[in-house]
Amino acid sequence: MSHASLNLANLASAPFGEQVFTLRQLFGFTKVEFALVLDVNEKTIRRWEEGAIAPQGSHRLAVDALRNIAESLGELFEPDIIRVWIDRENPALQGERPRDFAKKPGGIFLMAHLLSNVGR
């Protein structure tokens, strides 16, 4: 699988494994950290990225929400600036860094909701 660069413009049309890899890289998560965020094991993340299986149910919803976050941020910033945003404390997220806030129960969905209202 080629992972040359982050392409957020067409992320939704990319193969699902590519989406998972791109989101994990964008948020700066290792496979272990991403597995903890999504409440799965590291092997599952690896299998998703390889395209062997795709998430179902609440896991699929969480990955879709992360993709929506990435797409919303991609409309505002370049990937390198998104990474800065992800690692800075954010007052809208109770002063937490978005990458840490994503680890909280419901954090991904709250961020997706907040970002869906940006620019409206």
N, C-alpha and C. Protein backbone atom coordinates (compact mmCIF):
# COMPACT_ATOMS: atom_id res chain seq x y z
N MET A 1 0.85 -1.17 0.00
CA MET A 1 0.00 0.00 0.00
C MET A 1 0.90 1.23 0.00
N SER A 2 0.61 2.17 -0.86
CA SER A 2 1.41 3.39 -0.95
C SER A 2 0.86 4.44 0.00
N HIS A 3 1.77 5.05 0.75
CA HIS A 3 1.38 6.08 1.71
C HIS A 3 2.26 7.31 1.51
N ALA A 4 2.45 7.73 0.25
CA ALA A 4 3.41 8.79 -0.06
C ALA A 4 3.09 10.10 0.65
N SER A 5 1.83 10.53 0.63
CA SER A 5 1.49 11.80 1.26
C SER A 5 0.02 11.78 1.68
N LEU A 6 -0.30 12.68 2.57
CA LEU A 6 -1.68 12.77 3.03
C LEU A 6 -2.50 13.54 2.00
N ASN A 7 -3.54 12.92 1.48
CA ASN A 7 -4.42 13.59 0.53
C ASN A 7 -5.81 13.62 1.14
N LEU A 8 -6.13 14.76 1.74
CA LEU A 8 -7.42 14.86 2.43
C LEU A 8 -8.55 15.23 1.48
N ALA A 9 -8.21 15.78 0.31
CA ALA A 9 -9.25 16.23 -0.62
C ALA A 9 -10.11 15.06 -1.11
N ASN A 10 -9.52 13.91 -1.31
CA ASN A 10 -10.25 12.76 -1.84
C ASN A 10 -10.26 11.60 -0.86
N LEU A 11 -10.16 11.90 0.41
CA LEU A 11 -10.05 10.85 1.42
C LEU A 11 -11.25 9.91 1.40
N ALA A 12 -12.45 10.44 1.26
CA ALA A 12 -13.65 9.60 1.30
C ALA A 12 -13.70 8.59 0.16
N SER A 13 -13.05 8.89 -0.96
CA SER A 13 -13.07 7.97 -2.10
C SER A 13 -11.88 7.02 -2.11
N ALA A 14 -10.96 7.19 -1.16
CA ALA A 14 -9.79 6.30 -1.07
C ALA A 14 -10.23 4.95 -0.51
N PRO A 15 -9.45 3.90 -0.81
CA PRO A 15 -9.75 2.60 -0.18
C PRO A 15 -9.75 2.75 1.34
N PHE A 16 -10.58 1.96 1.99
CA PHE A 16 -10.77 2.14 3.43
C PHE A 16 -9.46 2.00 4.21
N GLY A 17 -8.62 1.06 3.85
CA GLY A 17 -7.34 0.90 4.53
C GLY A 17 -6.48 2.15 4.43
N GLU A 18 -6.52 2.79 3.29
CA GLU A 18 -5.78 4.04 3.09
C GLU A 18 -6.36 5.14 3.97
N GLN A 19 -7.68 5.17 4.11
CA GLN A 19 -8.31 6.16 4.98
C GLN A 19 -7.84 5.99 6.42
N VAL A 20 -7.86 4.76 6.90
CA VAL A 20 -7.46 4.48 8.29
C VAL A 20 -6.00 4.89 8.50
N PHE A 21 -5.13 4.50 7.57
CA PHE A 21 -3.71 4.86 7.68
C PHE A 21 -3.54 6.38 7.70
N THR A 22 -4.20 7.06 6.78
CA THR A 22 -4.08 8.52 6.67
C THR A 22 -4.55 9.20 7.95
N LEU A 23 -5.68 8.76 8.48
CA LEU A 23 -6.21 9.35 9.71
C LEU A 23 -5.28 9.10 10.89
N ARG A 24 -4.75 7.91 10.98
CA ARG A 24 -3.83 7.58 12.07
C ARG A 24 -2.58 8.47 11.98
N GLN A 25 -2.05 8.63 10.77
CA GLN A 25 -0.87 9.46 10.59
C GLN A 25 -1.17 10.93 10.87
N LEU A 26 -2.30 11.41 10.39
CA LEU A 26 -2.67 12.81 10.58
C LEU A 26 -2.79 13.14 12.06
N PHE A 27 -3.42 12.26 12.82
CA PHE A 27 -3.60 12.50 14.25
C PHE A 27 -2.37 12.14 15.07
N GLY A 28 -1.36 11.58 14.41
CA GLY A 28 -0.10 11.28 15.10
C GLY A 28 -0.18 10.10 16.05
N PHE A 29 -1.07 9.16 15.76
CA PHE A 29 -1.23 8.00 16.62
C PHE A 29 -0.38 6.83 16.12
N THR A 30 0.22 6.11 17.04
CA THR A 30 0.81 4.82 16.70
C THR A 30 -0.37 3.86 16.52
N LYS A 31 -0.08 2.67 16.03
CA LYS A 31 -1.16 1.68 15.90
C LYS A 31 -1.74 1.33 17.27
N VAL A 32 -0.88 1.26 18.27
CA VAL A 32 -1.35 0.94 19.64
C VAL A 32 -2.26 2.06 20.15
N GLU A 33 -1.84 3.32 19.99
CA GLU A 33 -2.66 4.44 20.45
C GLU A 33 -3.99 4.49 19.70
N PHE A 34 -3.94 4.29 18.39
CA PHE A 34 -5.16 4.34 17.58
C PHE A 34 -6.11 3.21 18.00
N ALA A 35 -5.54 2.06 18.30
CA ALA A 35 -6.36 0.94 18.78
C ALA A 35 -7.05 1.30 20.08
N LEU A 36 -6.34 1.98 20.99
CA LEU A 36 -6.95 2.40 22.26
C LEU A 36 -8.07 3.42 22.02
N VAL A 37 -7.83 4.36 21.11
CA VAL A 37 -8.84 5.38 20.80
C VAL A 37 -10.12 4.71 20.28
N LEU A 38 -9.95 3.70 19.42
CA LEU A 38 -11.10 3.06 18.79
C LEU A 38 -11.58 1.81 19.52
N ASP A 39 -10.94 1.50 20.66
CA ASP A 39 -11.33 0.37 21.49
C ASP A 39 -11.29 -0.96 20.72
N VAL A 40 -10.17 -1.16 20.03
CA VAL A 40 -9.90 -2.41 19.34
C VAL A 40 -8.46 -2.80 19.69
N ASN A 41 -7.96 -3.90 19.15
CA ASN A 41 -6.57 -4.24 19.39
C ASN A 41 -5.70 -3.80 18.21
N GLU A 42 -4.41 -3.78 18.44
CA GLU A 42 -3.46 -3.31 17.42
C GLU A 42 -3.56 -4.15 16.15
N LYS A 43 -3.78 -5.43 16.28
CA LYS A 43 -3.90 -6.32 15.11
C LYS A 43 -5.07 -5.88 14.23
N THR A 44 -6.15 -5.44 14.85
CA THR A 44 -7.31 -4.97 14.08
C THR A 44 -6.94 -3.74 13.26
N ILE A 45 -6.22 -2.81 13.85
CA ILE A 45 -5.79 -1.62 13.11
C ILE A 45 -4.94 -2.04 11.92
N ARG A 46 -4.01 -2.95 12.15
CA ARG A 46 -3.15 -3.42 11.06
C ARG A 46 -3.99 -4.06 9.95
N ARG A 47 -4.96 -4.85 10.31
CA ARG A 47 -5.81 -5.52 9.31
C ARG A 47 -6.68 -4.52 8.56
N TRP A 48 -7.15 -3.47 9.26
CA TRP A 48 -7.90 -2.42 8.57
C TRP A 48 -7.01 -1.73 7.55
N GLU A 49 -5.79 -1.36 7.97
CA GLU A 49 -4.89 -0.65 7.07
C GLU A 49 -4.48 -1.50 5.88
N GLU A 50 -4.36 -2.81 6.07
CA GLU A 50 -4.03 -3.71 4.97
C GLU A 50 -5.22 -3.96 4.05
N GLY A 51 -6.40 -3.55 4.48
CA GLY A 51 -7.60 -3.79 3.68
C GLY A 51 -8.16 -5.19 3.83
N ALA A 52 -7.65 -5.94 4.82
CA ALA A 52 -8.12 -7.31 5.03
C ALA A 52 -9.55 -7.33 5.57
N ILE A 53 -9.86 -6.36 6.41
CA ILE A 53 -11.21 -6.23 6.97
C ILE A 53 -11.52 -4.74 7.09
N ALA A 54 -12.78 -4.42 7.25
CA ALA A 54 -13.19 -3.03 7.48
C ALA A 54 -13.98 -2.97 8.77
N PRO A 55 -13.88 -1.83 9.47
CA PRO A 55 -14.63 -1.71 10.73
C PRO A 55 -16.13 -1.75 10.50
N GLN A 56 -16.83 -2.20 11.51
CA GLN A 56 -18.28 -2.28 11.47
C GLN A 56 -18.86 -1.49 12.64
N GLY A 57 -20.13 -1.19 12.58
CA GLY A 57 -20.86 -0.59 13.70
C GLY A 57 -20.23 0.68 14.23
N SER A 58 -20.05 0.72 15.56
CA SER A 58 -19.55 1.93 16.20
C SER A 58 -18.11 2.25 15.79
N HIS A 59 -17.34 1.23 15.45
CA HIS A 59 -15.96 1.48 14.99
C HIS A 59 -15.98 2.20 13.65
N ARG A 60 -16.89 1.79 12.78
CA ARG A 60 -17.02 2.44 11.47
C ARG A 60 -17.46 3.89 11.66
N LEU A 61 -18.40 4.11 12.56
CA LEU A 61 -18.88 5.47 12.82
C LEU A 61 -17.75 6.36 13.35
N ALA A 62 -16.90 5.81 14.20
CA ALA A 62 -15.78 6.58 14.75
C ALA A 62 -14.77 6.93 13.65
N VAL A 63 -14.46 5.98 12.78
CA VAL A 63 -13.54 6.26 11.67
C VAL A 63 -14.16 7.29 10.72
N ASP A 64 -15.45 7.16 10.45
CA ASP A 64 -16.13 8.15 9.60
C ASP A 64 -16.10 9.54 10.24
N ALA A 65 -16.28 9.61 11.55
CA ALA A 65 -16.22 10.91 12.24
C ALA A 65 -14.81 11.49 12.16
N LEU A 66 -13.79 10.66 12.31
CA LEU A 66 -12.41 11.15 12.17
C LEU A 66 -12.17 11.65 10.74
N ARG A 67 -12.71 10.94 9.77
CA ARG A 67 -12.57 11.39 8.37
C ARG A 67 -13.26 12.74 8.18
N ASN A 68 -14.43 12.91 8.78
CA ASN A 68 -15.13 14.20 8.68
C ASN A 68 -14.32 15.32 9.33
N ILE A 69 -13.68 15.02 10.45
CA ILE A 69 -12.81 16.00 11.12
C ILE A 69 -11.67 16.37 10.17
N ALA A 70 -11.02 15.36 9.61
CA ALA A 70 -9.89 15.60 8.70
C ALA A 70 -10.32 16.41 7.48
N GLU A 71 -11.47 16.08 6.92
CA GLU A 71 -11.95 16.81 5.74
C GLU A 71 -12.28 18.26 6.09
N SER A 72 -12.90 18.48 7.24
CA SER A 72 -13.22 19.84 7.67
C SER A 72 -11.95 20.65 7.88
N LEU A 73 -10.97 20.05 8.55
CA LEU A 73 -9.70 20.74 8.77
C LEU A 73 -8.96 20.94 7.45
N GLY A 74 -9.09 19.98 6.54
CA GLY A 74 -8.43 20.07 5.24
C GLY A 74 -8.94 21.23 4.40
N GLU A 75 -10.17 21.65 4.65
CA GLU A 75 -10.71 22.82 3.95
C GLU A 75 -10.09 24.11 4.47
N LEU A 76 -9.53 24.06 5.67
CA LEU A 76 -8.97 25.25 6.30
C LEU A 76 -7.44 25.30 6.27
N PHE A 77 -6.81 24.13 6.38
CA PHE A 77 -5.37 24.08 6.57
C PHE A 77 -4.71 23.01 5.70
N GLU A 78 -3.40 23.16 5.52
CA GLU A 78 -2.57 22.12 4.91
C GLU A 78 -2.30 21.05 5.98
N PRO A 79 -1.98 19.81 5.55
CA PRO A 79 -1.76 18.74 6.53
C PRO A 79 -0.75 19.07 7.63
N ASP A 80 0.33 19.77 7.30
CA ASP A 80 1.32 20.10 8.34
C ASP A 80 0.73 21.02 9.40
N ILE A 81 -0.14 21.94 9.00
CA ILE A 81 -0.78 22.86 9.94
C ILE A 81 -1.85 22.11 10.75
N ILE A 82 -2.51 21.15 10.13
CA ILE A 82 -3.49 20.33 10.85
C ILE A 82 -2.79 19.60 12.00
N ARG A 83 -1.61 19.08 11.72
CA ARG A 83 -0.86 18.37 12.77
C ARG A 83 -0.53 19.31 13.93
N VAL A 84 -0.22 20.56 13.62
CA VAL A 84 0.03 21.55 14.68
C VAL A 84 -1.25 21.76 15.48
N TRP A 85 -2.38 21.93 14.79
CA TRP A 85 -3.68 22.13 15.43
C TRP A 85 -3.99 20.96 16.36
N ILE A 86 -3.72 19.75 15.90
CA ILE A 86 -4.01 18.54 16.67
C ILE A 86 -3.19 18.46 17.95
N ASP A 87 -2.00 19.05 17.93
CA ASP A 87 -1.11 18.95 19.09
C ASP A 87 -1.10 20.18 19.98
N ARG A 88 -1.99 21.14 19.73
CA ARG A 88 -2.06 22.34 20.56
C ARG A 88 -3.30 22.31 21.43
N GLU A 89 -3.17 22.85 22.63
CA GLU A 89 -4.32 22.96 23.52
C GLU A 89 -5.39 23.81 22.84
N ASN A 90 -6.64 23.39 23.00
CA ASN A 90 -7.74 24.05 22.31
C ASN A 90 -8.82 24.42 23.33
N PRO A 91 -9.14 25.71 23.45
CA PRO A 91 -10.16 26.13 24.43
C PRO A 91 -11.53 25.50 24.17
N ALA A 92 -11.85 25.22 22.91
CA ALA A 92 -13.15 24.62 22.59
C ALA A 92 -13.24 23.17 23.06
N LEU A 93 -12.09 22.59 23.39
CA LEU A 93 -12.04 21.19 23.85
C LEU A 93 -11.59 21.12 25.31
N GLN A 94 -12.10 22.03 26.10
CA GLN A 94 -11.80 22.09 27.53
C GLN A 94 -10.30 22.25 27.78
N GLY A 95 -9.62 22.94 26.86
CA GLY A 95 -8.20 23.21 27.00
C GLY A 95 -7.30 22.04 26.65
N GLU A 96 -7.87 20.96 26.15
CA GLU A 96 -7.07 19.78 25.81
C GLU A 96 -6.61 19.83 24.36
N ARG A 97 -5.56 19.08 24.08
CA ARG A 97 -5.12 18.91 22.69
C ARG A 97 -6.13 18.00 21.99
N PRO A 98 -6.48 18.28 20.74
CA PRO A 98 -7.42 17.42 20.03
C PRO A 98 -7.02 15.94 20.02
N ARG A 99 -5.72 15.65 19.89
CA ARG A 99 -5.29 14.23 19.87
C ARG A 99 -5.57 13.56 21.22
N ASP A 100 -5.54 14.32 22.31
CA ASP A 100 -5.88 13.76 23.62
C ASP A 100 -7.39 13.71 23.82
N PHE A 101 -8.08 14.73 23.33
CA PHE A 101 -9.53 14.78 23.46
C PHE A 101 -10.17 13.61 22.70
N ALA A 102 -9.55 13.20 21.59
CA ALA A 102 -10.08 12.08 20.80
C ALA A 102 -10.08 10.78 21.60
N LYS A 103 -9.23 10.69 22.61
CA LYS A 103 -9.13 9.48 23.42
C LYS A 103 -10.24 9.37 24.46
N LYS A 104 -10.96 10.48 24.70
CA LYS A 104 -12.04 10.46 25.68
C LYS A 104 -13.28 9.82 25.07
N PRO A 105 -14.09 9.16 25.89
CA PRO A 105 -15.35 8.61 25.36
C PRO A 105 -16.19 9.73 24.72
N GLY A 106 -16.55 9.54 23.48
CA GLY A 106 -17.35 10.52 22.75
C GLY A 106 -16.57 11.70 22.21
N GLY A 107 -15.27 11.77 22.49
CA GLY A 107 -14.46 12.90 22.07
C GLY A 107 -14.40 13.08 20.56
N ILE A 108 -14.27 11.99 19.84
CA ILE A 108 -14.22 12.06 18.38
C ILE A 108 -15.51 12.67 17.84
N PHE A 109 -16.64 12.21 18.38
CA PHE A 109 -17.93 12.67 17.88
C PHE A 109 -18.18 14.13 18.23
N LEU A 110 -17.74 14.56 19.41
CA LEU A 110 -17.90 15.96 19.79
C LEU A 110 -17.05 16.86 18.89
N MET A 111 -15.80 16.46 18.62
CA MET A 111 -14.96 17.25 17.72
C MET A 111 -15.57 17.32 16.33
N ALA A 112 -16.09 16.20 15.83
CA ALA A 112 -16.71 16.19 14.51
C ALA A 112 -17.90 17.15 14.48
N HIS A 113 -18.68 17.15 15.54
CA HIS A 113 -19.83 18.05 15.62
C HIS A 113 -19.39 19.52 15.63
N LEU A 114 -18.39 19.83 16.46
CA LEU A 114 -17.91 21.21 16.54
C LEU A 114 -17.35 21.68 15.20
N LEU A 115 -16.59 20.82 14.54
CA LEU A 115 -15.99 21.22 13.27
C LEU A 115 -17.00 21.28 12.14
N SER A 116 -18.09 20.54 12.26
CA SER A 116 -19.11 20.60 11.21
C SER A 116 -19.79 21.95 11.19
N ASN A 117 -19.68 22.70 12.29
CA ASN A 117 -20.30 24.03 12.36
C ASN A 117 -19.35 25.16 11.99
N VAL A 118 -18.08 24.84 11.72
CA VAL A 118 -17.11 25.87 11.34
C VAL A 118 -17.48 26.41 9.96
N GLY A 119 -17.50 27.71 9.85
CA GLY A 119 -17.79 28.34 8.56
C GLY A 119 -19.25 28.46 8.24
N ARG A 120 -20.12 28.06 9.16
CA ARG A 120 -21.56 28.18 8.89
C ARG A 120 -22.11 29.42 9.52
